[in-house]
Amino acid sequence: MNGKLRAVVRVPADIDPDTLGEVAKSDAKVKAAIAGKEIIKVIVVPGKLVNIVVKG
């Protein structure tokens, strides 16, 4: 989130990028970090990372 590691989530390698973004946002640590903040953008690099850009 905002370029900092908040959680590690294991998913199948062939997962859809949109689904991967949703899985990342549903993680408990990520939910706590984005609580009360506005999600600006979700950047998904398949097989590597998900970055959630927030404001607030």
PDB file of N, CA and C in Angstrom:
ATOM      1  N   MET A   1       0.829  -1.165   0.000  1.00  0.00           N
ATOM      2  CA  MET A   1       0.000   0.000   0.000  1.00  0.00           C
ATOM      3  C   MET A   1       0.879   1.235   0.000  1.00  0.00           C
ATOM      4  N   ASN A   2       0.654   2.113  -0.956  1.00  0.00           N
ATOM      5  CA  ASN A   2       1.484   3.311  -1.127  1.00  0.00           C
ATOM      6  C   ASN A   2       2.972   2.960  -1.177  1.00  0.00           C
ATOM      7  N   GLY A   3       3.294   1.831  -1.801  1.00  0.00           N
ATOM      8  CA  GLY A   3       4.686   1.437  -1.995  1.00  0.00           C
ATOM      9  C   GLY A   3       5.319   0.707  -0.827  1.00  0.00           C
ATOM     10  N   LYS A   4       4.568   0.437   0.233  1.00  0.00           N
ATOM     11  CA  LYS A   4       5.126  -0.263   1.388  1.00  0.00           C
ATOM     12  C   LYS A   4       4.457  -1.624   1.542  1.00  0.00           C
ATOM     13  N   LEU A   5       5.232  -2.621   1.908  1.00  0.00           N
ATOM     14  CA  LEU A   5       4.713  -3.973   2.092  1.00  0.00           C
ATOM     15  C   LEU A   5       3.834  -4.027   3.337  1.00  0.00           C
ATOM     16  N   ARG A   6       2.591  -4.471   3.160  1.00  0.00           N
ATOM     17  CA  ARG A   6       1.660  -4.603   4.281  1.00  0.00           C
ATOM     18  C   ARG A   6       1.314  -6.060   4.539  1.00  0.00           C
ATOM     19  N   ALA A   7       1.283  -6.872   3.475  1.00  0.00           N
ATOM     20  CA  ALA A   7       0.878  -8.265   3.623  1.00  0.00           C
ATOM     21  C   ALA A   7       1.415  -9.083   2.455  1.00  0.00           C
ATOM     22  N   VAL A   8       1.510 -10.383   2.680  1.00  0.00           N
ATOM     23  CA  VAL A   8       1.886 -11.330   1.629  1.00  0.00           C
ATOM     24  C   VAL A   8       0.730 -12.306   1.496  1.00  0.00           C
ATOM     25  N   VAL A   9       0.222 -12.448   0.265  1.00  0.00           N
ATOM     26  CA  VAL A   9      -0.916 -13.316  -0.008  1.00  0.00           C
ATOM     27  C   VAL A   9      -0.505 -14.313  -1.086  1.00  0.00           C
ATOM     28  N   ARG A  10      -0.739 -15.579  -0.833  1.00  0.00           N
ATOM     29  CA  ARG A  10      -0.427 -16.615  -1.827  1.00  0.00           C
ATOM     30  C   ARG A  10      -1.685 -16.933  -2.621  1.00  0.00           C
ATOM     31  N   VAL A  11      -1.547 -16.866  -3.954  1.00  0.00           N
ATOM     32  CA  VAL A  11      -2.653 -17.146  -4.871  1.00  0.00           C
ATOM     33  C   VAL A  11      -2.128 -17.984  -6.034  1.00  0.00           C
ATOM     34  N   PRO A  12      -3.023 -18.629  -6.793  1.00  0.00           N
ATOM     35  CA  PRO A  12      -2.575 -19.376  -7.968  1.00  0.00           C
ATOM     36  C   PRO A  12      -1.899 -18.445  -8.983  1.00  0.00           C
ATOM     37  N   ALA A  13      -0.935 -18.968  -9.716  1.00  0.00           N
ATOM     38  CA  ALA A  13      -0.172 -18.158 -10.668  1.00  0.00           C
ATOM     39  C   ALA A  13      -1.023 -17.632 -11.820  1.00  0.00           C
ATOM     40  N   ASP A  14      -2.093 -18.329 -12.161  1.00  0.00           N
ATOM     41  CA  ASP A  14      -2.915 -17.923 -13.303  1.00  0.00           C
ATOM     42  C   ASP A  14      -4.142 -17.110 -12.911  1.00  0.00           C
ATOM     43  N   ILE A  15      -4.115 -16.477 -11.757  1.00  0.00           N
ATOM     44  CA  ILE A  15      -5.271 -15.712 -11.279  1.00  0.00           C
ATOM     45  C   ILE A  15      -5.459 -14.452 -12.129  1.00  0.00           C
ATOM     46  N   ASP A  16      -6.711 -14.075 -12.324  1.00  0.00           N
ATOM     47  CA  ASP A  16      -7.074 -12.877 -13.078  1.00  0.00           C
ATOM     48  C   ASP A  16      -6.608 -11.629 -12.310  1.00  0.00           C
ATOM     49  N   PRO A  17      -6.028 -10.625 -12.994  1.00  0.00           N
ATOM     50  CA  PRO A  17      -5.544  -9.421 -12.294  1.00  0.00           C
ATOM     51  C   PRO A  17      -6.621  -8.708 -11.467  1.00  0.00           C
ATOM     52  N   ASP A  18      -7.850  -8.658 -11.968  1.00  0.00           N
ATOM     53  CA  ASP A  18      -8.921  -8.004 -11.208  1.00  0.00           C
ATOM     54  C   ASP A  18      -9.219  -8.764  -9.922  1.00  0.00           C
ATOM     55  N   THR A  19      -9.239 -10.082 -10.021  1.00  0.00           N
ATOM     56  CA  THR A  19      -9.475 -10.923  -8.852  1.00  0.00           C
ATOM     57  C   THR A  19      -8.330 -10.784  -7.862  1.00  0.00           C
ATOM     58  N   LEU A  20      -7.117 -10.694  -8.365  1.00  0.00           N
ATOM     59  CA  LEU A  20      -5.943 -10.528  -7.505  1.00  0.00           C
ATOM     60  C   LEU A  20      -6.040  -9.232  -6.705  1.00  0.00           C
ATOM     61  N   GLY A  21      -6.485  -8.161  -7.344  1.00  0.00           N
ATOM     62  CA  GLY A  21      -6.671  -6.891  -6.636  1.00  0.00           C
ATOM     63  C   GLY A  21      -7.704  -7.009  -5.530  1.00  0.00           C
ATOM     64  N   GLU A  22      -8.793  -7.727  -5.797  1.00  0.00           N
ATOM     65  CA  GLU A  22      -9.835  -7.917  -4.793  1.00  0.00           C
ATOM     66  C   GLU A  22      -9.346  -8.775  -3.628  1.00  0.00           C
ATOM     67  N   VAL A  23      -8.558  -9.815  -3.935  1.00  0.00           N
ATOM     68  CA  VAL A  23      -7.995 -10.665  -2.885  1.00  0.00           C
ATOM     69  C   VAL A  23      -7.072  -9.841  -1.993  1.00  0.00           C
ATOM     70  N   ALA A  24      -6.261  -8.994  -2.613  1.00  0.00           N
ATOM     71  CA  ALA A  24      -5.344  -8.155  -1.831  1.00  0.00           C
ATOM     72  C   ALA A  24      -6.113  -7.199  -0.928  1.00  0.00           C
ATOM     73  N   LYS A  25      -7.183  -6.597  -1.446  1.00  0.00           N
ATOM     74  CA  LYS A  25      -7.960  -5.652  -0.643  1.00  0.00           C
ATOM     75  C   LYS A  25      -8.740  -6.339   0.473  1.00  0.00           C
ATOM     76  N   SER A  26      -8.984  -7.644   0.344  1.00  0.00           N
ATOM     77  CA  SER A  26      -9.754  -8.352   1.368  1.00  0.00           C
ATOM     78  C   SER A  26      -8.883  -8.887   2.514  1.00  0.00           C
ATOM     79  N   ASP A  27      -7.557  -8.775   2.400  1.00  0.00           N
ATOM     80  CA  ASP A  27      -6.660  -9.220   3.465  1.00  0.00           C
ATOM     81  C   ASP A  27      -6.867  -8.350   4.712  1.00  0.00           C
ATOM     82  N   ALA A  28      -6.831  -8.970   5.883  1.00  0.00           N
ATOM     83  CA  ALA A  28      -7.113  -8.269   7.143  1.00  0.00           C
ATOM     84  C   ALA A  28      -6.142  -7.113   7.398  1.00  0.00           C
ATOM     85  N   LYS A  29      -4.856  -7.316   7.163  1.00  0.00           N
ATOM     86  CA  LYS A  29      -3.872  -6.254   7.400  1.00  0.00           C
ATOM     87  C   LYS A  29      -4.081  -5.088   6.438  1.00  0.00           C
ATOM     88  N   VAL A  30      -4.413  -5.417   5.197  1.00  0.00           N
ATOM     89  CA  VAL A  30      -4.644  -4.369   4.205  1.00  0.00           C
ATOM     90  C   VAL A  30      -5.926  -3.613   4.543  1.00  0.00           C
ATOM     91  N   LYS A  31      -6.962  -4.318   4.942  1.00  0.00           N
ATOM     92  CA  LYS A  31      -8.215  -3.663   5.336  1.00  0.00           C
ATOM     93  C   LYS A  31      -7.970  -2.653   6.448  1.00  0.00           C
ATOM     94  N   ALA A  32      -7.159  -3.043   7.425  1.00  0.00           N
ATOM     95  CA  ALA A  32      -6.855  -2.139   8.538  1.00  0.00           C
ATOM     96  C   ALA A  32      -6.081  -0.910   8.050  1.00  0.00           C
ATOM     97  N   ALA A  33      -5.194  -1.109   7.087  1.00  0.00           N
ATOM     98  CA  ALA A  33      -4.369  -0.008   6.593  1.00  0.00           C
ATOM     99  C   ALA A  33      -5.154   0.956   5.705  1.00  0.00           C
ATOM    100  N   ILE A  34      -6.192   0.464   5.014  1.00  0.00           N
ATOM    101  CA  ILE A  34      -6.953   1.340   4.127  1.00  0.00           C
ATOM    102  C   ILE A  34      -8.244   1.857   4.762  1.00  0.00           C
ATOM    103  N   ALA A  35      -8.507   1.464   5.987  1.00  0.00           N
ATOM    104  CA  ALA A  35      -9.739   1.888   6.664  1.00  0.00           C
ATOM    105  C   ALA A  35      -9.816   3.405   6.752  1.00  0.00           C
ATOM    106  N   GLY A  36     -10.913   3.960   6.280  1.00  0.00           N
ATOM    107  CA  GLY A  36     -11.126   5.396   6.354  1.00  0.00           C
ATOM    108  C   GLY A  36     -10.375   6.200   5.315  1.00  0.00           C
ATOM    109  N   LYS A  37      -9.757   5.537   4.347  1.00  0.00           N
ATOM    110  CA  LYS A  37      -8.993   6.224   3.312  1.00  0.00           C
ATOM    111  C   LYS A  37      -9.637   5.989   1.955  1.00  0.00           C
ATOM    112  N   GLU A  38      -9.386   6.894   1.031  1.00  0.00           N
ATOM    113  CA  GLU A  38      -9.933   6.798  -0.316  1.00  0.00           C
ATOM    114  C   GLU A  38      -8.931   6.064  -1.207  1.00  0.00           C
ATOM    115  N   ILE A  39      -9.389   4.993  -1.877  1.00  0.00           N
ATOM    116  CA  ILE A  39      -8.532   4.260  -2.804  1.00  0.00           C
ATOM    117  C   ILE A  39      -8.487   5.027  -4.116  1.00  0.00           C
ATOM    118  N   ILE A  40      -7.293   5.462  -4.495  1.00  0.00           N
ATOM    119  CA  ILE A  40      -7.096   6.223  -5.728  1.00  0.00           C
ATOM    120  C   ILE A  40      -6.894   5.282  -6.909  1.00  0.00           C
ATOM    121  N   LYS A  41      -6.028   4.280  -6.733  1.00  0.00           N
ATOM    122  CA  LYS A  41      -5.683   3.387  -7.827  1.00  0.00           C
ATOM    123  C   LYS A  41      -5.196   2.059  -7.270  1.00  0.00           C
ATOM    124  N   VAL A  42      -5.463   0.978  -8.015  1.00  0.00           N
ATOM    125  CA  VAL A  42      -4.933  -0.337  -7.676  1.00  0.00           C
ATOM    126  C   VAL A  42      -4.058  -0.771  -8.843  1.00  0.00           C
ATOM    127  N   ILE A  43      -2.767  -0.958  -8.584  1.00  0.00           N
ATOM    128  CA  ILE A  43      -1.805  -1.359  -9.610  1.00  0.00           C
ATOM    129  C   ILE A  43      -1.489  -2.832  -9.397  1.00  0.00           C
ATOM    130  N   VAL A  44      -1.743  -3.647 -10.427  1.00  0.00           N
ATOM    131  CA  VAL A  44      -1.509  -5.088 -10.339  1.00  0.00           C
ATOM    132  C   VAL A  44      -0.453  -5.472 -11.365  1.00  0.00           C
ATOM    133  N   VAL A  45       0.628  -6.089 -10.911  1.00  0.00           N
ATOM    134  CA  VAL A  45       1.643  -6.681 -11.778  1.00  0.00           C
ATOM    135  C   VAL A  45       1.511  -8.185 -11.582  1.00  0.00           C
ATOM    136  N   PRO A  46       0.864  -8.880 -12.543  1.00  0.00           N
ATOM    137  CA  PRO A  46       0.606 -10.316 -12.367  1.00  0.00           C
ATOM    138  C   PRO A  46       1.872 -11.103 -12.035  1.00  0.00           C
ATOM    139  N   GLY A  47       1.763 -11.951 -11.029  1.00  0.00           N
ATOM    140  CA  GLY A  47       2.886 -12.778 -10.614  1.00  0.00           C
ATOM    141  C   GLY A  47       3.893 -12.068  -9.721  1.00  0.00           C
ATOM    142  N   LYS A  48       3.693 -10.777  -9.465  1.00  0.00           N
ATOM    143  CA  LYS A  48       4.677 -10.026  -8.682  1.00  0.00           C
ATOM    144  C   LYS A  48       4.052  -9.303  -7.494  1.00  0.00           C
ATOM    145  N   LEU A  49       3.195  -8.302  -7.770  1.00  0.00           N
ATOM    146  CA  LEU A  49       2.739  -7.469  -6.672  1.00  0.00           C
ATOM    147  C   LEU A  49       1.408  -6.796  -6.972  1.00  0.00           C
ATOM    148  N   VAL A  50       0.817  -6.277  -5.915  1.00  0.00           N
ATOM    149  CA  VAL A  50      -0.362  -5.413  -5.997  1.00  0.00           C
ATOM    150  C   VAL A  50      -0.058  -4.193  -5.145  1.00  0.00           C
ATOM    151  N   ASN A  51      -0.192  -3.007  -5.733  1.00  0.00           N
ATOM    152  CA  ASN A  51       0.020  -1.773  -4.979  1.00  0.00           C
ATOM    153  C   ASN A  51      -1.299  -1.015  -4.955  1.00  0.00           C
ATOM    154  N   ILE A  52      -1.750  -0.660  -3.777  1.00  0.00           N
ATOM    155  CA  ILE A  52      -2.992   0.089  -3.613  1.00  0.00           C
ATOM    156  C   ILE A  52      -2.604   1.498  -3.200  1.00  0.00           C
ATOM    157  N   VAL A  53      -2.950   2.475  -4.050  1.00  0.00           N
ATOM    158  CA  VAL A  53      -2.635   3.872  -3.778  1.00  0.00           C
ATOM    159  C   VAL A  53      -3.835   4.495  -3.085  1.00  0.00           C
ATOM    160  N   VAL A  54      -3.599   5.039  -1.885  1.00  0.00           N
ATOM    161  CA  VAL A  54      -4.693   5.638  -1.114  1.00  0.00           C
ATOM    162  C   VAL A  54      -4.387   7.093  -0.784  1.00  0.00           C
ATOM    163  N   LYS A  55      -5.451   7.796  -0.433  1.00  0.00           N
ATOM    164  CA  LYS A  55      -5.320   9.206  -0.055  1.00  0.00           C
ATOM    165  C   LYS A  55      -6.079   9.390   1.241  1.00  0.00           C
ATOM    166  N   GLY A  56      -5.463  10.086   2.154  1.00  0.00           N
ATOM    167  CA  GLY A  56      -6.169  10.395   3.393  1.00  0.00           C
ATOM    168  C   GLY A  56      -5.594   9.856   4.587  1.00  0.00           C
TER     169      GLY A  56
END
